[in-house]
Amino acid sequence: MNYSICFSAKPDFFAGTKALADPAVRFYTKFYLEPFTLQETLEYARAVFSLLLEISEKVATWLQEKTLGHPYFLACICKHLMATEKQIERTSSKQHGLQYSTN
């Protein structure tokens, strides 16, 4: 079974640790991600939420301010927002006697 671990730190975070003792060097492959630009955040938001461009721009600007373009935090917030939206839909459907579809 494979697991993913995200270290979110400055690139020199483990600089004081010898390479052999550094768990991020010994056991994991490092991928350095640069912060998303506002345009990249906009593209991500449009893909995740399927919103109109005008609304996506507002959402992307808010997300960029909250995450500073950090890809991991951006994904976490978007996942939470999607889960919250689905919970609201379920609750609303139950209150109004509607059948909820999971599609």
PDB file of N, CA and C in Angstrom:
ATOM      1  N   MET A   1       0.841  -1.167   0.000  1.00  0.00           N
ATOM      2  CA  MET A   1       0.000   0.000   0.000  1.00  0.00           C
ATOM      3  C   MET A   1       0.893   1.239   0.000  1.00  0.00           C
ATOM      4  N   ASN A   2       0.564   2.209  -0.856  1.00  0.00           N
ATOM      5  CA  ASN A   2       1.321   3.455  -0.930  1.00  0.00           C
ATOM      6  C   ASN A   2       0.566   4.568  -0.225  1.00  0.00           C
ATOM      7  N   TYR A   3       1.302   5.413   0.450  1.00  0.00           N
ATOM      8  CA  TYR A   3       0.731   6.575   1.117  1.00  0.00           C
ATOM      9  C   TYR A   3       1.470   7.824   0.659  1.00  0.00           C
ATOM     10  N   SER A   4       0.772   8.915   0.617  1.00  0.00           N
ATOM     11  CA  SER A   4       1.389  10.195   0.285  1.00  0.00           C
ATOM     12  C   SER A   4       1.502  11.025   1.547  1.00  0.00           C
ATOM     13  N   ILE A   5       2.611  11.710   1.669  1.00  0.00           N
ATOM     14  CA  ILE A   5       2.826  12.615   2.792  1.00  0.00           C
ATOM     15  C   ILE A   5       3.239  13.959   2.209  1.00  0.00           C
ATOM     16  N   CYS A   6       2.655  15.001   2.744  1.00  0.00           N
ATOM     17  CA  CYS A   6       2.984  16.338   2.277  1.00  0.00           C
ATOM     18  C   CYS A   6       3.725  17.081   3.375  1.00  0.00           C
ATOM     19  N   PHE A   7       4.967  17.451   3.090  1.00  0.00           N
ATOM     20  CA  PHE A   7       5.715  18.345   3.966  1.00  0.00           C
ATOM     21  C   PHE A   7       5.544  19.731   3.385  1.00  0.00           C
ATOM     22  N   SER A   8       5.010  20.615   4.136  1.00  0.00           N
ATOM     23  CA  SER A   8       4.845  21.982   3.671  1.00  0.00           C
ATOM     24  C   SER A   8       5.788  22.866   4.475  1.00  0.00           C
ATOM     25  N   ALA A   9       6.920  23.165   3.873  1.00  0.00           N
ATOM     26  CA  ALA A   9       7.937  23.946   4.563  1.00  0.00           C
ATOM     27  C   ALA A   9       8.820  24.638   3.532  1.00  0.00           C
ATOM     28  N   LYS A  10       9.617  25.543   4.009  1.00  0.00           N
ATOM     29  CA  LYS A  10      10.593  26.183   3.136  1.00  0.00           C
ATOM     30  C   LYS A  10      11.570  25.118   2.642  1.00  0.00           C
ATOM     31  N   PRO A  11      12.117  25.288   1.432  1.00  0.00           N
ATOM     32  CA  PRO A  11      13.022  24.277   0.875  1.00  0.00           C
ATOM     33  C   PRO A  11      14.213  23.930   1.769  1.00  0.00           C
ATOM     34  N   ASP A  12      14.646  24.859   2.596  1.00  0.00           N
ATOM     35  CA  ASP A  12      15.821  24.595   3.440  1.00  0.00           C
ATOM     36  C   ASP A  12      15.429  24.111   4.853  1.00  0.00           C
ATOM     37  N   PHE A  13      14.198  23.665   5.026  1.00  0.00           N
ATOM     38  CA  PHE A  13      13.714  23.261   6.342  1.00  0.00           C
ATOM     39  C   PHE A  13      14.594  22.202   6.991  1.00  0.00           C
ATOM     40  N   PHE A  14      15.063  21.228   6.207  1.00  0.00           N
ATOM     41  CA  PHE A  14      15.898  20.158   6.737  1.00  0.00           C
ATOM     42  C   PHE A  14      17.388  20.448   6.548  1.00  0.00           C
ATOM     43  N   ALA A  15      17.750  21.691   6.296  1.00  0.00           N
ATOM     44  CA  ALA A  15      19.140  22.032   5.999  1.00  0.00           C
ATOM     45  C   ALA A  15      20.089  21.668   7.142  1.00  0.00           C
ATOM     46  N   GLY A  16      19.649  21.757   8.370  1.00  0.00           N
ATOM     47  CA  GLY A  16      20.512  21.448   9.507  1.00  0.00           C
ATOM     48  C   GLY A  16      20.625  19.961   9.799  1.00  0.00           C
ATOM     49  N   THR A  17      19.918  19.137   9.046  1.00  0.00           N
ATOM     50  CA  THR A  17      19.924  17.691   9.264  1.00  0.00           C
ATOM     51  C   THR A  17      20.798  17.034   8.211  1.00  0.00           C
ATOM     52  N   LYS A  18      21.614  16.095   8.624  1.00  0.00           N
ATOM     53  CA  LYS A  18      22.426  15.376   7.655  1.00  0.00           C
ATOM     54  C   LYS A  18      21.514  14.595   6.726  1.00  0.00           C
ATOM     55  N   ALA A  19      21.884  14.494   5.476  1.00  0.00           N
ATOM     56  CA  ALA A  19      21.046  13.866   4.456  1.00  0.00           C
ATOM     57  C   ALA A  19      20.609  12.454   4.846  1.00  0.00           C
ATOM     58  N   LEU A  20      21.479  11.684   5.459  1.00  0.00           N
ATOM     59  CA  LEU A  20      21.120  10.309   5.808  1.00  0.00           C
ATOM     60  C   LEU A  20      20.095  10.249   6.939  1.00  0.00           C
ATOM     61  N   ALA A  21      20.057  11.270   7.772  1.00  0.00           N
ATOM     62  CA  ALA A  21      19.117  11.281   8.890  1.00  0.00           C
ATOM     63  C   ALA A  21      17.794  11.965   8.523  1.00  0.00           C
ATOM     64  N   ASP A  22      17.749  12.630   7.400  1.00  0.00           N
ATOM     65  CA  ASP A  22      16.573  13.372   6.968  1.00  0.00           C
ATOM     66  C   ASP A  22      15.509  12.407   6.445  1.00  0.00           C
ATOM     67  N   PRO A  23      14.387  12.260   7.151  1.00  0.00           N
ATOM     68  CA  PRO A  23      13.362  11.312   6.691  1.00  0.00           C
ATOM     69  C   PRO A  23      12.794  11.663   5.321  1.00  0.00           C
ATOM     70  N   ALA A  24      12.757  12.934   4.984  1.00  0.00           N
ATOM     71  CA  ALA A  24      12.235  13.331   3.679  1.00  0.00           C
ATOM     72  C   ALA A  24      13.183  12.923   2.559  1.00  0.00           C
ATOM     73  N   VAL A  25      14.466  12.739   2.865  1.00  0.00           N
ATOM     74  CA  VAL A  25      15.438  12.307   1.857  1.00  0.00           C
ATOM     75  C   VAL A  25      15.500  10.788   1.792  1.00  0.00           C
ATOM     76  N   ARG A  26      15.479  10.159   2.935  1.00  0.00           N
ATOM     77  CA  ARG A  26      15.668   8.714   2.983  1.00  0.00           C
ATOM     78  C   ARG A  26      14.487   7.917   2.467  1.00  0.00           C
ATOM     79  N   PHE A  27      13.274   8.345   2.707  1.00  0.00           N
ATOM     80  CA  PHE A  27      12.119   7.509   2.421  1.00  0.00           C
ATOM     81  C   PHE A  27      11.170   8.056   1.356  1.00  0.00           C
ATOM     82  N   TYR A  28      11.338   9.288   0.957  1.00  0.00           N
ATOM     83  CA  TYR A  28      10.364   9.899   0.062  1.00  0.00           C
ATOM     84  C   TYR A  28      11.047  10.561  -1.123  1.00  0.00           C
ATOM     85  N   THR A  29      10.297  10.662  -2.211  1.00  0.00           N
ATOM     86  CA  THR A  29      10.744  11.419  -3.369  1.00  0.00           C
ATOM     87  C   THR A  29      10.254  12.846  -3.185  1.00  0.00           C
ATOM     88  N   LYS A  30      11.137  13.798  -3.339  1.00  0.00           N
ATOM     89  CA  LYS A  30      10.750  15.199  -3.153  1.00  0.00           C
ATOM     90  C   LYS A  30      10.233  15.795  -4.462  1.00  0.00           C
ATOM     91  N   PHE A  31       9.145  16.517  -4.340  1.00  0.00           N
ATOM     92  CA  PHE A  31       8.607  17.304  -5.434  1.00  0.00           C
ATOM     93  C   PHE A  31       8.421  18.710  -4.897  1.00  0.00           C
ATOM     94  N   TYR A  32       9.042  19.662  -5.542  1.00  0.00           N
ATOM     95  CA  TYR A  32       8.907  21.049  -5.111  1.00  0.00           C
ATOM     96  C   TYR A  32       7.835  21.715  -5.961  1.00  0.00           C
ATOM     97  N   LEU A  33       6.842  22.246  -5.296  1.00  0.00           N
ATOM     98  CA  LEU A  33       5.756  22.933  -5.981  1.00  0.00           C
ATOM     99  C   LEU A  33       5.849  24.419  -5.689  1.00  0.00           C
ATOM    100  N   GLU A  34       5.773  25.177  -6.730  1.00  0.00           N
ATOM    101  CA  GLU A  34       5.726  26.629  -6.582  1.00  0.00           C
ATOM    102  C   GLU A  34       4.284  27.036  -6.301  1.00  0.00           C
ATOM    103  N   PRO A  35       4.080  28.147  -5.616  1.00  0.00           N
ATOM    104  CA  PRO A  35       2.707  28.616  -5.400  1.00  0.00           C
ATOM    105  C   PRO A  35       2.007  28.867  -6.737  1.00  0.00           C
ATOM    106  N   PHE A  36       0.718  28.609  -6.773  1.00  0.00           N
ATOM    107  CA  PHE A  36      -0.066  28.882  -7.968  1.00  0.00           C
ATOM    108  C   PHE A  36      -0.171  30.389  -8.160  1.00  0.00           C
ATOM    109  N   THR A  37      -0.167  30.795  -9.411  1.00  0.00           N
ATOM    110  CA  THR A  37      -0.484  32.185  -9.737  1.00  0.00           C
ATOM    111  C   THR A  37      -1.997  32.335  -9.642  1.00  0.00           C
ATOM    112  N   LEU A  38      -2.477  33.557  -9.686  1.00  0.00           N
ATOM    113  CA  LEU A  38      -3.921  33.778  -9.673  1.00  0.00           C
ATOM    114  C   LEU A  38      -4.566  33.090 -10.877  1.00  0.00           C
ATOM    115  N   GLN A  39      -3.914  33.127 -12.027  1.00  0.00           N
ATOM    116  CA  GLN A  39      -4.451  32.481 -13.224  1.00  0.00           C
ATOM    117  C   GLN A  39      -4.552  30.964 -13.025  1.00  0.00           C
ATOM    118  N   GLU A  40      -3.543  30.353 -12.426  1.00  0.00           N
ATOM    119  CA  GLU A  40      -3.578  28.911 -12.166  1.00  0.00           C
ATOM    120  C   GLU A  40      -4.659  28.559 -11.140  1.00  0.00           C
ATOM    121  N   THR A  41      -4.815  29.418 -10.136  1.00  0.00           N
ATOM    122  CA  THR A  41      -5.876  29.204  -9.148  1.00  0.00           C
ATOM    123  C   THR A  41      -7.238  29.323  -9.817  1.00  0.00           C
ATOM    124  N   LEU A  42      -7.381  30.265 -10.724  1.00  0.00           N
ATOM    125  CA  LEU A  42      -8.627  30.425 -11.476  1.00  0.00           C
ATOM    126  C   LEU A  42      -8.921  29.166 -12.286  1.00  0.00           C
ATOM    127  N   GLU A  43      -7.926  28.634 -12.979  1.00  0.00           N
ATOM    128  CA  GLU A  43      -8.116  27.418 -13.780  1.00  0.00           C
ATOM    129  C   GLU A  43      -8.510  26.246 -12.876  1.00  0.00           C
ATOM    130  N   TYR A  44      -7.866  26.151 -11.730  1.00  0.00           N
ATOM    131  CA  TYR A  44      -8.174  25.072 -10.782  1.00  0.00           C
ATOM    132  C   TYR A  44      -9.616  25.207 -10.282  1.00  0.00           C
ATOM    133  N   ALA A  45      -9.996  26.410  -9.875  1.00  0.00           N
ATOM    134  CA  ALA A  45     -11.348  26.648  -9.356  1.00  0.00           C
ATOM    135  C   ALA A  45     -12.404  26.341 -10.414  1.00  0.00           C
ATOM    136  N   ARG A  46     -12.150  26.721 -11.643  1.00  0.00           N
ATOM    137  CA  ARG A  46     -13.129  26.443 -12.713  1.00  0.00           C
ATOM    138  C   ARG A  46     -13.259  24.947 -12.950  1.00  0.00           C
ATOM    139  N   ALA A  47     -12.150  24.229 -12.868  1.00  0.00           N
ATOM    140  CA  ALA A  47     -12.187  22.782 -13.073  1.00  0.00           C
ATOM    141  C   ALA A  47     -12.925  22.074 -11.924  1.00  0.00           C
ATOM    142  N   VAL A  48     -12.694  22.527 -10.711  1.00  0.00           N
ATOM    143  CA  VAL A  48     -13.289  21.881  -9.538  1.00  0.00           C
ATOM    144  C   VAL A  48     -14.774  22.205  -9.406  1.00  0.00           C
ATOM    145  N   PHE A  49     -15.119  23.463  -9.540  1.00  0.00           N
ATOM    146  CA  PHE A  49     -16.482  23.906  -9.243  1.00  0.00           C
ATOM    147  C   PHE A  49     -17.385  24.074 -10.457  1.00  0.00           C
ATOM    148  N   SER A  50     -16.830  24.041 -11.664  1.00  0.00           N
ATOM    149  CA  SER A  50     -17.623  24.206 -12.899  1.00  0.00           C
ATOM    150  C   SER A  50     -18.470  25.476 -12.851  1.00  0.00           C
ATOM    151  N   LEU A  51     -17.847  26.576 -12.486  1.00  0.00           N
ATOM    152  CA  LEU A  51     -18.549  27.848 -12.357  1.00  0.00           C
ATOM    153  C   LEU A  51     -18.373  28.711 -13.604  1.00  0.00           C
ATOM    154  N   LEU A  52     -19.258  29.668 -13.753  1.00  0.00           N
ATOM    155  CA  LEU A  52     -19.098  30.655 -14.813  1.00  0.00           C
ATOM    156  C   LEU A  52     -17.839  31.474 -14.546  1.00  0.00           C
ATOM    157  N   LEU A  53     -17.252  32.040 -15.588  1.00  0.00           N
ATOM    158  CA  LEU A  53     -15.991  32.759 -15.464  1.00  0.00           C
ATOM    159  C   LEU A  53     -16.060  33.884 -14.431  1.00  0.00           C
ATOM    160  N   GLU A  54     -17.134  34.686 -14.469  1.00  0.00           N
ATOM    161  CA  GLU A  54     -17.241  35.821 -13.542  1.00  0.00           C
ATOM    162  C   GLU A  54     -17.239  35.355 -12.081  1.00  0.00           C
ATOM    163  N   ILE A  55     -17.974  34.308 -11.787  1.00  0.00           N
ATOM    164  CA  ILE A  55     -18.026  33.776 -10.422  1.00  0.00           C
ATOM    165  C   ILE A  55     -16.697  33.117 -10.075  1.00  0.00           C
ATOM    166  N   SER A  56     -16.125  32.393 -11.033  1.00  0.00           N
ATOM    167  CA  SER A  56     -14.833  31.735 -10.804  1.00  0.00           C
ATOM    168  C   SER A  56     -13.750  32.737 -10.453  1.00  0.00           C
ATOM    169  N   GLU A  57     -13.765  33.885 -11.072  1.00  0.00           N
ATOM    170  CA  GLU A  57     -12.765  34.915 -10.776  1.00  0.00           C
ATOM    171  C   GLU A  57     -12.861  35.368  -9.326  1.00  0.00           C
ATOM    172  N   LYS A  58     -14.068  35.544  -8.830  1.00  0.00           N
ATOM    173  CA  LYS A  58     -14.254  35.947  -7.432  1.00  0.00           C
ATOM    174  C   LYS A  58     -13.806  34.835  -6.483  1.00  0.00           C
ATOM    175  N   VAL A  59     -14.186  33.607  -6.795  1.00  0.00           N
ATOM    176  CA  VAL A  59     -13.797  32.464  -5.968  1.00  0.00           C
ATOM    177  C   VAL A  59     -12.285  32.298  -5.986  1.00  0.00           C
ATOM    178  N   ALA A  60     -11.679  32.403  -7.166  1.00  0.00           N
ATOM    179  CA  ALA A  60     -10.228  32.233  -7.294  1.00  0.00           C
ATOM    180  C   ALA A  60      -9.474  33.319  -6.531  1.00  0.00           C
ATOM    181  N   THR A  61      -9.972  34.538  -6.577  1.00  0.00           N
ATOM    182  CA  THR A  61      -9.326  35.626  -5.840  1.00  0.00           C
ATOM    183  C   THR A  61      -9.386  35.356  -4.339  1.00  0.00           C
ATOM    184  N   TRP A  62     -10.539  34.912  -3.857  1.00  0.00           N
ATOM    185  CA  TRP A  62     -10.687  34.578  -2.435  1.00  0.00           C
ATOM    186  C   TRP A  62      -9.746  33.431  -2.056  1.00  0.00           C
ATOM    187  N   LEU A  63      -9.728  32.378  -2.873  1.00  0.00           N
ATOM    188  CA  LEU A  63      -8.852  31.227  -2.602  1.00  0.00           C
ATOM    189  C   LEU A  63      -7.382  31.639  -2.605  1.00  0.00           C
ATOM    190  N   GLN A  64      -7.000  32.485  -3.540  1.00  0.00           N
ATOM    191  CA  GLN A  64      -5.611  32.935  -3.631  1.00  0.00           C
ATOM    192  C   GLN A  64      -5.222  33.718  -2.382  1.00  0.00           C
ATOM    193  N   GLU A  65      -6.123  34.558  -1.897  1.00  0.00           N
ATOM    194  CA  GLU A  65      -5.850  35.326  -0.672  1.00  0.00           C
ATOM    195  C   GLU A  65      -5.701  34.412   0.535  1.00  0.00           C
ATOM    196  N   LYS A  66      -6.541  33.384   0.617  1.00  0.00           N
ATOM    197  CA  LYS A  66      -6.521  32.485   1.783  1.00  0.00           C
ATOM    198  C   LYS A  66      -5.352  31.506   1.761  1.00  0.00           C
ATOM    199  N   THR A  67      -4.957  31.035   0.573  1.00  0.00           N
ATOM    200  CA  THR A  67      -3.928  29.993   0.481  1.00  0.00           C
ATOM    201  C   THR A  67      -2.566  30.505   0.034  1.00  0.00           C
ATOM    202  N   LEU A  68      -2.505  31.754  -0.405  1.00  0.00           N
ATOM    203  CA  LEU A  68      -1.284  32.318  -0.995  1.00  0.00           C
ATOM    204  C   LEU A  68      -0.800  31.466  -2.158  1.00  0.00           C
ATOM    205  N   GLY A  69      -1.728  30.779  -2.814  1.00  0.00           N
ATOM    206  CA  GLY A  69      -1.402  29.957  -3.967  1.00  0.00           C
ATOM    207  C   GLY A  69      -0.811  28.600  -3.640  1.00  0.00           C
ATOM    208  N   HIS A  70      -0.788  28.237  -2.366  1.00  0.00           N
ATOM    209  CA  HIS A  70      -0.219  26.951  -1.951  1.00  0.00           C
ATOM    210  C   HIS A  70      -1.099  25.822  -2.505  1.00  0.00           C
ATOM    211  N   PRO A  71      -0.569  24.978  -3.409  1.00  0.00           N
ATOM    212  CA  PRO A  71      -1.398  23.958  -4.061  1.00  0.00           C
ATOM    213  C   PRO A  71      -2.067  22.983  -3.094  1.00  0.00           C
ATOM    214  N   TYR A  72      -1.381  22.565  -2.051  1.00  0.00           N
ATOM    215  CA  TYR A  72      -1.959  21.608  -1.107  1.00  0.00           C
ATOM    216  C   TYR A  72      -3.112  22.243  -0.333  1.00  0.00           C
ATOM    217  N   PHE A  73      -2.893  23.460   0.175  1.00  0.00           N
ATOM    218  CA  PHE A  73      -3.950  24.133   0.924  1.00  0.00           C
ATOM    219  C   PHE A  73      -5.136  24.460   0.016  1.00  0.00           C
ATOM    220  N   LEU A  74      -4.857  24.832  -1.216  1.00  0.00           N
ATOM    221  CA  LEU A  74      -5.909  25.098  -2.191  1.00  0.00           C
ATOM    222  C   LEU A  74      -6.775  23.853  -2.390  1.00  0.00           C
ATOM    223  N   ALA A  75      -6.133  22.711  -2.571  1.00  0.00           N
ATOM    224  CA  ALA A  75      -6.871  21.459  -2.756  1.00  0.00           C
ATOM    225  C   ALA A  75      -7.687  21.110  -1.516  1.00  0.00           C
ATOM    226  N   CYS A  76      -7.109  21.298  -0.335  1.00  0.00           N
ATOM    227  CA  CYS A  76      -7.826  20.987   0.916  1.00  0.00           C
ATOM    228  C   CYS A  76      -9.063  21.860   1.089  1.00  0.00           C
ATOM    229  N   ILE A  77      -8.935  23.140   0.839  1.00  0.00           N
ATOM    230  CA  ILE A  77     -10.075  24.050   0.987  1.00  0.00           C
ATOM    231  C   ILE A  77     -11.159  23.709  -0.038  1.00  0.00           C
ATOM    232  N   CYS A  78     -10.749  23.441  -1.269  1.00  0.00           N
ATOM    233  CA  CYS A  78     -11.731  23.104  -2.307  1.00  0.00           C
ATOM    234  C   CYS A  78     -12.445  21.802  -1.979  1.00  0.00           C
ATOM    235  N   LYS A  79     -11.716  20.822  -1.477  1.00  0.00           N
ATOM    236  CA  LYS A  79     -12.336  19.549  -1.088  1.00  0.00           C
ATOM    237  C   LYS A  79     -13.352  19.773   0.030  1.00  0.00           C
ATOM    238  N   HIS A  80     -12.993  20.601   1.006  1.00  0.00           N
ATOM    239  CA  HIS A  80     -13.911  20.910   2.108  1.00  0.00           C
ATOM    240  C   HIS A  80     -15.154  21.632   1.588  1.00  0.00           C
ATOM    241  N   LEU A  81     -14.969  22.588   0.696  1.00  0.00           N
ATOM    242  CA  LEU A  81     -16.108  23.322   0.149  1.00  0.00           C
ATOM    243  C   LEU A  81     -17.037  22.404  -0.633  1.00  0.00           C
ATOM    244  N   MET A  82     -16.472  21.474  -1.391  1.00  0.00           N
ATOM    245  CA  MET A  82     -17.297  20.531  -2.144  1.00  0.00           C
ATOM    246  C   MET A  82     -18.070  19.609  -1.195  1.00  0.00           C
ATOM    247  N   ALA A  83     -17.408  19.134  -0.140  1.00  0.00           N
ATOM    248  CA  ALA A  83     -18.083  18.270   0.836  1.00  0.00           C
ATOM    249  C   ALA A  83     -19.193  19.032   1.559  1.00  0.00           C
ATOM    250  N   THR A  84     -18.939  20.279   1.882  1.00  0.00           N
ATOM    251  CA  THR A  84     -19.936  21.111   2.550  1.00  0.00           C
ATOM    252  C   THR A  84     -21.136  21.340   1.647  1.00  0.00           C
ATOM    253  N   GLU A  85     -20.877  21.592   0.366  1.00  0.00           N
ATOM    254  CA  GLU A  85     -21.965  21.795  -0.588  1.00  0.00           C
ATOM    255  C   GLU A  85     -22.846  20.547  -0.674  1.00  0.00           C
ATOM    256  N   LYS A  86     -22.219  19.372  -0.739  1.00  0.00           N
ATOM    257  CA  LYS A  86     -22.988  18.124  -0.818  1.00  0.00           C
ATOM    258  C   LYS A  86     -23.810  17.903   0.451  1.00  0.00           C
ATOM    259  N   GLN A  87     -23.248  18.254   1.610  1.00  0.00           N
ATOM    260  CA  GLN A  87     -23.982  18.104   2.874  1.00  0.00           C
ATOM    261  C   GLN A  87     -25.184  19.047   2.907  1.00  0.00           C
ATOM    262  N   ILE A  88     -24.999  20.258   2.425  1.00  0.00           N
ATOM    263  CA  ILE A  88     -26.106  21.219   2.378  1.00  0.00           C
ATOM    264  C   ILE A  88     -27.195  20.705   1.447  1.00  0.00           C
ATOM    265  N   GLU A  89     -26.805  20.147   0.292  1.00  0.00           N
ATOM    266  CA  GLU A  89     -27.792  19.615  -0.653  1.00  0.00           C
ATOM    267  C   GLU A  89     -28.581  18.470  -0.017  1.00  0.00           C
ATOM    268  N   ARG A  90     -27.885  17.570   0.696  1.00  0.00           N
ATOM    269  CA  ARG A  90     -28.567  16.441   1.345  1.00  0.00           C
ATOM    270  C   ARG A  90     -29.561  16.927   2.391  1.00  0.00           C
ATOM    271  N   THR A  91     -29.110  17.864   3.223  1.00  0.00           N
ATOM    272  CA  THR A  91     -29.957  18.383   4.290  1.00  0.00           C
ATOM    273  C   THR A  91     -31.178  19.088   3.708  1.00  0.00           C
ATOM    274  N   SER A  92     -30.960  19.896   2.692  1.00  0.00           N
ATOM    275  CA  SER A  92     -32.050  20.624   2.063  1.00  0.00           C
ATOM    276  C   SER A  92     -33.046  19.664   1.421  1.00  0.00           C
ATOM    277  N   SER A  93     -32.536  18.629   0.754  1.00  0.00           N
ATOM    278  CA  SER A  93     -33.418  17.647   0.111  1.00  0.00           C
ATOM    279  C   SER A  93     -34.268  16.921   1.135  1.00  0.00           C
ATOM    280  N   LYS A  94     -33.684  16.542   2.264  1.00  0.00           N
ATOM    281  CA  LYS A  94     -34.426  15.843   3.314  1.00  0.00           C
ATOM    282  C   LYS A  94     -35.505  16.738   3.907  1.00  0.00           C
ATOM    283  N   GLN A  95     -35.178  18.015   4.107  1.00  0.00           N
ATOM    284  CA  GLN A  95     -36.137  18.937   4.702  1.00  0.00           C
ATOM    285  C   GLN A  95     -37.336  19.182   3.786  1.00  0.00           C
ATOM    286  N   HIS A  96     -37.094  19.085   2.466  1.00  0.00           N
ATOM    287  CA  HIS A  96     -38.164  19.366   1.516  1.00  0.00           C
ATOM    288  C   HIS A  96     -38.756  18.088   0.934  1.00  0.00           C
ATOM    289  N   GLY A  97     -38.382  16.928   1.492  1.00  0.00           N
ATOM    290  CA  GLY A  97     -38.942  15.660   1.052  1.00  0.00           C
ATOM    291  C   GLY A  97     -38.510  15.256  -0.343  1.00  0.00           C
ATOM    292  N   LEU A  98     -37.348  15.749  -0.793  1.00  0.00           N
ATOM    293  CA  LEU A  98     -36.857  15.416  -2.122  1.00  0.00           C
ATOM    294  C   LEU A  98     -35.860  14.267  -2.032  1.00  0.00           C
ATOM    295  N   GLN A  99     -35.792  13.501  -3.101  1.00  0.00           N
ATOM    296  CA  GLN A  99     -34.806  12.421  -3.142  1.00  0.00           C
ATOM    297  C   GLN A  99     -33.474  13.008  -3.588  1.00  0.00           C
ATOM    298  N   TYR A 100     -32.425  12.686  -2.869  1.00  0.00           N
ATOM    299  CA  TYR A 100     -31.094  13.212  -3.163  1.00  0.00           C
ATOM    300  C   TYR A 100     -30.347  12.232  -4.049  1.00  0.00           C
ATOM    301  N   SER A 101     -29.753  12.719  -5.102  1.00  0.00           N
ATOM    302  CA  SER A 101     -28.953  11.892  -5.994  1.00  0.00           C
ATOM    303  C   SER A 101     -27.486  12.118  -5.682  1.00  0.00           C
ATOM    304  N   THR A 102     -26.698  11.035  -5.633  1.00  0.00           N
ATOM    305  CA  THR A 102     -25.263  11.153  -5.336  1.00  0.00           C
ATOM    306  C   THR A 102     -24.450  11.348  -6.594  1.00  0.00           C
ATOM    307  N   ASN A 103     -25.052  11.489  -7.746  1.00  0.00           N
ATOM    308  CA  ASN A 103     -24.313  11.663  -9.016  1.00  0.00           C
ATOM    309  C   ASN A 103     -23.794  13.049  -9.146  1.00  0.00           C
TER     310      ASN A 103
END
